[in-house]
């Protein structure tokens, strides 16, 4: 392994300043390029041993083939779907992510969305501002004694479950890994989770295996109507089928921090002109809560994500 003072790192996206500052103090050479095109970055990437990114563009085979001296890729976020992970691993490139950095933020955001939906807070606020004092029409539901189903019991799912301990609820989790349940959630089969849940919260990465996993067949496998929270990835949900379930009442309400229509960078929607019909329905629905991919986007997580990446890069070279 090269000594730290010979390691050159290229920062492709802006992040909390502590990330660069601490790496600099540790002896790494740091350079920034937030504006060049992917092709322009590829033309010089052979000069660097590490890159730090968020989601500006995809790190694909073409990019990796040109990165002949690359030792690590660090993504300041939870997921690695913007990277061809298998190909990077085949080249011996170490991959770093920071789900620990924003798991608390995501857990809090999911709780906030759920409470707002079940108690109709956003709808009630809107009506009062319009001069409409409607009490019966805004009667809500309590979390007490409900069964919360969590799919994906990693950093984010565990954070959400921990925060649910303050409520008198039953928490179930499903994960492709065995023995991940803990004192905050009982691990069950997907079938049992679908039979018992009153609420579903999604905390899975996007992969080819999870693409559009929430579709009509999946939704209709739930025994009861349920509230749905998605703070994971938009492409895990088929929006057309979600809308049909909202119309039928199978889904009682949806809190969506992520949308199928987002661009890879998460900074913009795919929408350039006419909105898809399903998206327009979400915009018009009082039982739908939408936020712009900010569940993990707090002032605190901005710093914690950067610190996690610094710590993991330093550890890699220690």
Protein backbone atom coordinates (compact mmCIF):
# COMPACT_ATOMS: atom_id res chain seq x y z
CA UNK A 1 0.00 0.00 0.00
CA UNK A 2 1.30 3.45 -0.90
CA UNK A 3 2.07 5.93 1.82
CA UNK A 4 -0.65 8.49 2.44
CA UNK A 5 1.45 11.42 1.23
CA UNK A 6 1.68 9.86 -2.22
CA UNK A 7 -2.09 9.33 -2.57
CA UNK A 8 -3.93 11.74 -4.87
CA UNK A 9 -7.68 12.08 -4.41
CA UNK A 10 -10.08 13.72 -6.87
CA UNK A 11 -13.29 15.20 -5.44
CA UNK A 12 -15.95 15.16 -8.14
CA UNK A 13 -18.82 16.59 -6.03
CA UNK A 14 -18.95 19.26 -3.34
CA UNK A 15 -19.30 18.02 0.23
CA UNK A 16 -18.91 19.29 3.77
CA UNK A 17 -15.54 21.10 3.96
CA UNK A 18 -14.32 18.91 6.81
CA UNK A 19 -13.95 16.05 4.33
CA UNK A 20 -11.26 17.70 2.28
CA UNK A 21 -9.74 19.52 5.25
CA UNK A 22 -9.24 16.39 7.33
CA UNK A 23 -7.91 14.38 4.40
CA UNK A 24 -5.48 17.21 3.69
CA UNK A 25 -4.38 17.24 7.33
CA UNK A 26 -3.89 13.46 7.20
CA UNK A 27 -1.42 13.95 4.33
CA UNK A 28 -3.48 13.12 1.24
CA UNK A 29 -3.21 15.29 -1.88
CA UNK A 30 -6.67 16.60 -2.78
CA UNK A 31 -7.94 18.15 -5.99
CA UNK A 32 -11.47 19.23 -6.91
CA UNK A 33 -13.32 19.25 -10.21
CA UNK A 34 -17.04 19.92 -9.89
CA UNK A 35 -17.68 21.15 -13.42
CA UNK A 36 -15.90 19.00 -16.03
CA UNK A 37 -17.89 16.50 -18.05
CA UNK A 38 -17.59 12.78 -17.44
CA UNK A 39 -15.43 12.50 -20.57
CA UNK A 40 -13.12 15.26 -19.34
CA UNK A 41 -12.76 13.54 -15.98
CA UNK A 42 -12.02 10.23 -17.73
CA UNK A 43 -9.20 11.88 -19.66
CA UNK A 44 -7.29 12.55 -16.44
CA UNK A 45 -8.57 9.97 -13.98
CA UNK A 46 -5.44 7.82 -14.42
CA UNK A 47 -3.62 10.46 -12.36
CA UNK A 48 -5.58 9.69 -9.19
CA UNK A 49 -5.60 6.92 -6.61
CA UNK A 50 -8.99 7.74 -5.13
CA UNK A 51 -12.19 9.58 -6.01
CA UNK A 52 -14.88 11.04 -3.77
CA UNK A 53 -18.33 11.36 -5.33
CA UNK A 54 -22.00 11.76 -4.52
CA UNK A 55 -24.02 10.95 -7.64
CA UNK A 56 -22.92 13.36 -10.36
CA UNK A 57 -22.54 10.66 -13.00
CA UNK A 58 -22.30 6.90 -13.26
CA UNK A 59 -18.97 5.24 -12.62
CA UNK A 60 -19.21 2.64 -15.40
CA UNK A 61 -16.85 0.25 -17.16
CA UNK A 62 -15.59 2.95 -19.52
CA UNK A 63 -14.68 5.18 -16.59
CA UNK A 64 -13.10 2.33 -14.61
CA UNK A 65 -11.02 1.15 -17.58
CA UNK A 66 -9.44 4.59 -17.77
CA UNK A 67 -8.86 4.77 -14.00
CA UNK A 68 -5.76 2.62 -14.18
CA UNK A 69 -4.33 3.70 -10.81
CA UNK A 70 -7.55 3.91 -8.85
CA UNK A 71 -7.44 2.25 -5.42
CA UNK A 72 -10.76 3.38 -3.95
CA UNK A 73 -14.08 5.05 -4.73
CA UNK A 74 -15.81 6.78 -1.83
CA UNK A 75 -19.46 7.75 -2.20
CA UNK A 76 -20.74 10.30 0.30
CA UNK A 77 -24.10 8.61 0.76
CA UNK A 78 -25.70 5.32 1.66
CA UNK A 79 -25.91 3.50 -1.68
CA UNK A 80 -23.50 2.51 -4.43
CA UNK A 81 -25.95 2.08 -7.31
CA UNK A 82 -24.21 4.76 -9.39
CA UNK A 83 -21.10 2.54 -9.49
CA UNK A 84 -20.54 -0.67 -11.44
CA UNK A 85 -19.56 -2.41 -8.21
CA UNK A 86 -18.79 -5.83 -9.66
CA UNK A 87 -16.48 -4.43 -12.31
CA UNK A 88 -14.77 -2.16 -9.80
CA UNK A 89 -14.23 -5.11 -7.47
CA UNK A 90 -12.78 -7.16 -10.33
CA UNK A 91 -10.16 -4.45 -10.70
CA UNK A 92 -9.34 -4.52 -7.00
CA UNK A 93 -10.90 -1.12 -6.34
CA UNK A 94 -12.11 -0.67 -2.76
CA UNK A 95 -15.64 0.74 -2.44
CA UNK A 96 -16.64 3.00 0.43
CA UNK A 97 -20.14 4.25 1.36
CA UNK A 98 -21.45 6.00 4.45
CA UNK A 99 -24.88 4.69 5.48
CA UNK A 100 -23.92 5.28 9.11
CA UNK A 101 -23.77 9.00 8.37
CA UNK A 102 -27.41 9.59 7.53
CA UNK A 103 -29.25 6.65 9.09
CA UNK A 104 -30.52 8.74 12.01
CA UNK A 105 -31.83 11.42 9.65
CA UNK A 106 -33.65 8.83 7.53
CA UNK A 107 -35.20 7.19 10.59
CA UNK A 108 -36.49 10.51 11.89
CA UNK A 109 -37.83 11.51 8.47
CA UNK A 110 -39.73 8.24 8.11
CA UNK A 111 -41.31 8.73 11.55
CA UNK A 112 -42.29 12.28 10.62
CA UNK A 113 -43.89 11.20 7.36
CA UNK A 114 -45.82 8.40 9.05
CA UNK A 115 -47.20 10.59 11.82
CA UNK A 116 -48.15 13.32 9.36
CA UNK A 117 -50.00 10.87 7.11
CA UNK A 118 -51.87 9.05 9.85
CA UNK A 119 -52.91 12.27 11.59
CA UNK A 120 -53.58 14.19 8.36
CA UNK A 121 -51.35 17.03 9.53
CA UNK A 122 -50.49 18.41 6.10
CA UNK A 123 -54.10 18.23 4.91
CA UNK A 124 -55.41 19.86 8.08
CA UNK A 125 -52.80 22.62 7.92
CA UNK A 126 -53.70 23.36 4.31
CA UNK A 127 -57.43 23.56 5.05
CA UNK A 128 -56.99 25.85 8.06
CA UNK A 129 -54.88 28.19 5.93
CA UNK A 130 -57.78 28.22 3.46
CA UNK A 131 -60.14 29.26 6.25
CA UNK A 132 -61.73 25.81 6.62
CA UNK A 133 -62.06 24.57 10.21
CA UNK A 134 -62.85 20.90 9.58
CA UNK A 135 -62.46 18.59 12.57
CA UNK A 136 -64.32 15.39 11.69
CA UNK A 137 -62.87 15.33 8.18
CA UNK A 138 -59.40 15.42 9.66
CA UNK A 139 -59.82 12.72 12.31
CA UNK A 140 -56.62 10.72 12.40
CA UNK A 141 -55.36 7.29 13.38
CA UNK A 142 -53.06 6.32 16.25
CA UNK A 143 -49.91 4.26 15.89
CA UNK A 144 -50.63 2.39 19.12
CA UNK A 145 -51.10 -1.37 18.63
CA UNK A 146 -50.40 -1.14 14.90
CA UNK A 147 -47.97 -3.53 13.23
CA UNK A 148 -45.13 -1.84 11.38
CA UNK A 149 -43.43 -3.82 8.61
CA UNK A 150 -39.89 -2.87 7.61
CA UNK A 151 -38.37 -4.28 4.44
CA UNK A 152 -34.60 -3.93 4.49
CA UNK A 153 -33.12 -4.14 7.97
CA UNK A 154 -29.74 -2.51 7.59
CA UNK A 155 -28.63 0.89 8.84
CA UNK A 156 -31.79 2.73 7.81
CA UNK A 157 -34.30 0.08 8.78
CA UNK A 158 -32.70 -0.37 12.19
CA UNK A 159 -32.72 3.39 12.78
CA UNK A 160 -36.44 3.58 11.99
CA UNK A 161 -37.21 0.61 14.24
CA UNK A 162 -35.24 2.10 17.13
CA UNK A 163 -37.29 5.27 16.95
CA UNK A 164 -40.52 3.27 16.99
CA UNK A 165 -39.64 1.95 20.47
CA UNK A 166 -41.31 5.01 21.95
CA UNK A 167 -44.64 3.86 20.53
CA UNK A 168 -46.66 0.85 21.65
CA UNK A 169 -46.38 -0.95 18.31
CA UNK A 170 -45.35 -4.32 16.92
CA UNK A 171 -42.38 -4.10 14.58
CA UNK A 172 -41.58 -6.79 12.01
CA UNK A 173 -38.68 -6.82 9.58
CA UNK A 174 -37.82 -8.73 6.44
CA UNK A 175 -34.35 -8.89 4.95
CA UNK A 176 -32.52 -11.12 2.48
CA UNK A 177 -29.86 -11.64 5.17
CA UNK A 178 -30.56 -14.04 8.00
CA UNK A 179 -30.46 -13.23 11.71
CA UNK A 180 -30.59 -9.43 11.43
CA UNK A 181 -33.57 -8.99 13.74
CA UNK A 182 -32.92 -7.45 17.16
CA UNK A 183 -34.72 -6.16 20.25
CA UNK A 184 -36.43 -3.50 18.10
CA UNK A 185 -37.86 -5.75 15.35
CA UNK A 186 -38.74 -9.41 14.91
CA UNK A 187 -37.43 -10.86 11.67
CA UNK A 188 -40.14 -12.73 9.75
CA UNK A 189 -40.81 -14.05 6.26
CA UNK A 190 -42.09 -11.67 3.63
CA UNK A 191 -45.39 -13.53 3.66
CA UNK A 192 -45.86 -13.04 7.41
CA UNK A 193 -44.95 -9.37 7.12
CA UNK A 194 -47.56 -8.95 4.37
CA UNK A 195 -50.18 -10.77 6.43
CA UNK A 196 -49.77 -8.64 9.56
CA UNK A 197 -48.58 -5.14 8.61
CA UNK A 198 -50.63 -1.96 8.95
CA UNK A 199 -47.65 0.13 7.82
CA UNK A 200 -44.87 -0.66 5.36
CA UNK A 201 -41.59 1.25 5.37
CA UNK A 202 -39.06 0.53 2.63
CA UNK A 203 -35.34 0.67 3.47
CA UNK A 204 -33.68 -1.28 0.66
CA UNK A 205 -31.06 -0.27 -1.91
CA UNK A 206 -31.88 -0.17 -5.59
CA UNK A 207 -30.55 -3.19 -7.44
CA UNK A 208 -31.78 -5.15 -10.47
CA UNK A 209 -33.41 -7.52 -7.95
CA UNK A 210 -35.37 -4.74 -6.23
CA UNK A 211 -36.29 -2.76 -9.35
CA UNK A 212 -40.07 -2.04 -9.25
CA UNK A 213 -40.45 -4.61 -6.49
CA UNK A 214 -43.42 -2.66 -5.14
CA UNK A 215 -45.96 -3.40 -7.86
CA UNK A 216 -49.58 -4.57 -7.98
CA UNK A 217 -48.78 -8.20 -7.14
CA UNK A 218 -46.65 -7.14 -4.19
CA UNK A 219 -49.21 -4.63 -2.90
CA UNK A 220 -52.16 -7.00 -3.24
CA UNK A 221 -50.28 -9.63 -1.24
CA UNK A 222 -50.88 -7.55 1.89
CA UNK A 223 -53.85 -8.81 3.90
CA UNK A 224 -54.89 -5.35 5.11
CA UNK A 225 -54.93 -1.83 3.68
CA UNK A 226 -51.71 -0.12 4.79
CA UNK A 227 -49.78 3.11 4.94
CA UNK A 228 -46.64 3.17 2.81
CA UNK A 229 -43.37 5.03 3.44
CA UNK A 230 -40.51 5.05 0.95
CA UNK A 231 -37.25 6.72 1.91
CA UNK A 232 -35.13 4.23 -0.07
CA UNK A 233 -35.03 4.61 -3.86
CA UNK A 234 -37.73 5.69 -6.29
CA UNK A 235 -37.03 2.91 -8.76
CA UNK A 236 -38.03 0.33 -6.16
CA UNK A 237 -41.65 1.35 -6.76
CA UNK A 238 -43.81 1.14 -9.88
CA UNK A 239 -45.64 4.44 -9.54
CA UNK A 240 -48.55 3.49 -11.82
CA UNK A 241 -49.35 0.51 -9.56
CA UNK A 242 -48.91 2.59 -6.41
CA UNK A 243 -51.45 5.08 -7.73
CA UNK A 244 -53.95 2.32 -8.49
CA UNK A 245 -53.57 1.08 -4.92
CA UNK A 246 -54.14 4.60 -3.58
CA UNK A 247 -57.27 4.92 -5.71
CA UNK A 248 -58.64 1.57 -4.51
CA UNK A 249 -57.82 2.25 -0.85
CA UNK A 250 -55.41 -0.69 -0.60
CA UNK A 251 -52.77 1.89 0.28
CA UNK A 252 -54.26 4.34 2.81
CA UNK A 253 -51.59 6.96 2.30
CA UNK A 254 -48.06 7.26 0.94
CA UNK A 255 -45.05 9.19 2.19
CA UNK A 256 -42.57 9.37 -0.67
CA UNK A 257 -39.17 10.96 -0.25
CA UNK A 258 -38.00 9.40 -3.51
CA UNK A 259 -39.63 9.04 -6.91
CA UNK A 260 -39.29 6.79 -9.92
CA UNK A 261 -38.83 9.93 -12.03
CA UNK A 262 -35.61 11.15 -10.40
CA UNK A 263 -32.44 11.53 -12.41
CA UNK A 264 -29.42 9.47 -11.35
CA UNK A 265 -27.89 12.46 -9.60
CA UNK A 266 -31.04 12.81 -7.42
CA UNK A 267 -30.78 16.57 -7.98
CA UNK A 268 -33.63 16.78 -10.50
CA UNK A 269 -36.71 14.93 -11.68
CA UNK A 270 -36.87 13.30 -15.09
CA UNK A 271 -39.81 15.60 -15.76
CA UNK A 272 -38.83 18.04 -18.48
CA UNK A 273 -42.23 18.97 -19.89
CA UNK A 274 -45.48 17.06 -19.48
CA UNK A 275 -45.89 15.26 -16.17
CA UNK A 276 -46.75 11.55 -16.20
CA UNK A 277 -50.38 10.91 -15.25
CA UNK A 278 -49.38 8.92 -12.18
CA UNK A 279 -47.11 11.70 -10.94
CA UNK A 280 -49.87 14.25 -11.38
CA UNK A 281 -52.15 12.05 -9.27
CA UNK A 282 -49.56 12.05 -6.48
CA UNK A 283 -49.30 15.83 -6.67
CA UNK A 284 -53.08 16.21 -6.37
CA UNK A 285 -53.64 13.67 -3.58
CA UNK A 286 -54.24 14.76 0.00
CA UNK A 287 -53.15 11.37 1.35
CA UNK A 288 -49.74 11.58 -0.33
CA UNK A 289 -46.77 13.34 1.23
CA UNK A 290 -43.86 14.21 -1.07
CA UNK A 291 -40.35 15.39 -0.21
CA UNK A 292 -37.41 15.89 -2.63
CA UNK A 293 -35.03 13.08 -1.57
CA UNK A 294 -34.12 14.83 1.67
CA UNK A 295 -34.69 12.09 4.27
CA UNK A 296 -30.95 11.81 4.81
CA UNK A 297 -30.25 15.44 3.95
CA UNK A 298 -30.00 17.21 7.31
CA UNK A 299 -27.40 19.68 8.53
CA UNK A 300 -26.18 17.04 10.97
CA UNK A 301 -26.00 14.25 8.40
CA UNK A 302 -24.07 16.53 6.01
CA UNK A 303 -21.28 16.59 8.56
CA UNK A 304 -21.63 12.96 9.71
CA UNK A 305 -21.51 11.62 6.14
CA UNK A 306 -18.28 13.51 5.47
CA UNK A 307 -16.74 12.37 8.74
CA UNK A 308 -17.64 8.74 8.03
CA UNK A 309 -15.96 8.91 4.62
CA UNK A 310 -12.80 10.48 6.08
CA UNK A 311 -12.59 7.84 8.77
CA UNK A 312 -13.01 4.98 6.29
CA UNK A 313 -10.43 6.35 3.83
CA UNK A 314 -7.89 6.83 6.62
CA UNK A 315 -8.64 3.32 7.91
CA UNK A 316 -8.14 1.88 4.43
CA UNK A 317 -4.58 3.21 4.38
CA UNK A 318 -3.74 2.47 7.99
